[in-house]
Amino acid sequence: MQESQKLEEGHSYHDLRHTFGTNLFYAMCKNKAVRFDDVTPTSSIYLYVAKRMGHSINSRNSNISTKSYIRSAHVAEQLNAI
């Protein structure tokens, strides 16, 4: 593996994937002027992010992974306020 393709120590590709999902969710909410907490598992934003991330939307526990992006969007909002 080339040196430029390595992640910093303590980071994983899953961290990058989660960051991508959070940024996608955050940007879509901001662009549509929707509050993070108003997004439900049946909303277009939620379903789009779930689809882009490859999350199932039909199983019993399908919303658990996608919900984590909602929680992380609150952290992103705090960081952007600094």
Protein backbone atom coordinates (compact mmCIF):
# COMPACT_ATOMS: atom_id res chain seq x y z
CA MET A 1 0.00 0.00 0.00
CA GLN A 2 1.29 3.43 -0.87
CA GLU A 3 2.03 5.75 2.02
CA SER A 4 -0.58 8.24 0.75
CA GLN A 5 -3.32 5.59 1.08
CA LYS A 6 -2.73 4.87 4.76
CA LEU A 7 -5.01 6.29 7.42
CA GLU A 8 -3.73 8.03 10.50
CA GLU A 9 -3.20 5.73 13.44
CA GLY A 10 -6.41 5.19 15.37
CA HIS A 11 -8.62 5.76 12.31
CA SER A 12 -10.34 3.17 10.17
CA TYR A 13 -12.16 3.08 6.87
CA HIS A 14 -15.35 2.69 8.89
CA ASP A 15 -14.60 6.12 10.44
CA LEU A 16 -14.44 7.58 6.93
CA ARG A 17 -17.70 5.88 5.98
CA HIS A 18 -19.42 7.24 9.09
CA THR A 19 -18.08 10.74 8.36
CA PHE A 20 -19.41 10.53 4.80
CA GLY A 21 -22.86 9.45 6.03
CA THR A 22 -22.98 12.16 8.67
CA ASN A 23 -21.89 14.86 6.22
CA LEU A 24 -24.46 13.69 3.68
CA PHE A 25 -27.25 13.73 6.28
CA TYR A 26 -26.12 17.10 7.66
CA ALA A 27 -25.93 18.74 4.22
CA MET A 28 -29.30 17.42 3.12
CA CYS A 29 -30.97 18.72 6.28
CA LYS A 30 -29.33 22.12 5.89
CA ASN A 31 -30.20 22.36 2.18
CA LYS A 32 -33.85 21.51 2.83
CA ALA A 33 -34.04 23.56 6.08
CA VAL A 34 -35.09 20.50 8.09
CA ARG A 35 -34.21 20.10 11.76
CA PHE A 36 -32.21 16.91 12.44
CA ASP A 37 -34.70 15.71 15.05
CA ASP A 38 -37.62 16.16 12.66
CA VAL A 39 -36.24 13.52 10.30
CA THR A 40 -38.10 10.22 10.66
CA PRO A 41 -37.36 6.76 9.22
CA THR A 42 -39.97 7.44 6.53
CA SER A 43 -38.66 10.86 5.44
CA SER A 44 -36.97 11.31 2.08
CA ILE A 45 -33.70 12.47 3.68
CA TYR A 46 -33.53 9.44 5.95
CA LEU A 47 -34.36 7.01 3.15
CA TYR A 48 -31.85 8.61 0.78
CA VAL A 49 -29.00 8.43 3.30
CA ALA A 50 -29.90 4.84 4.19
CA LYS A 51 -29.86 3.89 0.52
CA ARG A 52 -26.54 5.65 -0.19
CA MET A 53 -24.98 3.92 2.82
CA GLY A 54 -26.33 0.53 1.79
CA HIS A 55 -28.50 0.17 4.89
CA SER A 56 -31.56 -2.03 4.73
CA ILE A 57 -34.81 -0.14 5.23
CA ASN A 58 -37.10 -3.14 5.57
CA SER A 59 -35.70 -5.15 8.48
CA ARG A 60 -36.63 -4.86 12.15
CA ASN A 61 -33.36 -3.16 13.16
CA SER A 62 -32.77 -1.33 9.90
CA ASN A 63 -32.91 2.18 11.32
CA ILE A 64 -30.24 1.69 14.00
CA SER A 65 -27.27 2.40 11.72
CA THR A 66 -28.85 5.35 9.96
CA LYS A 67 -29.92 6.89 13.29
CA SER A 68 -26.28 7.21 14.28
CA TYR A 69 -25.84 9.85 11.55
CA ILE A 70 -28.60 11.93 13.11
CA ARG A 71 -26.81 11.87 16.47
CA SER A 72 -23.52 12.75 14.80
CA ALA A 73 -25.11 15.66 12.93
CA HIS A 74 -25.69 17.35 16.29
CA VAL A 75 -21.95 17.12 16.97
CA ALA A 76 -21.19 18.55 13.51
CA GLU A 77 -23.58 21.41 14.21
CA GLN A 78 -21.74 22.23 17.45
CA LEU A 79 -18.38 22.11 15.68
CA ASN A 80 -19.61 24.43 12.92
CA ALA A 81 -20.78 26.94 15.54
CA ILE A 82 -17.25 27.41 16.85
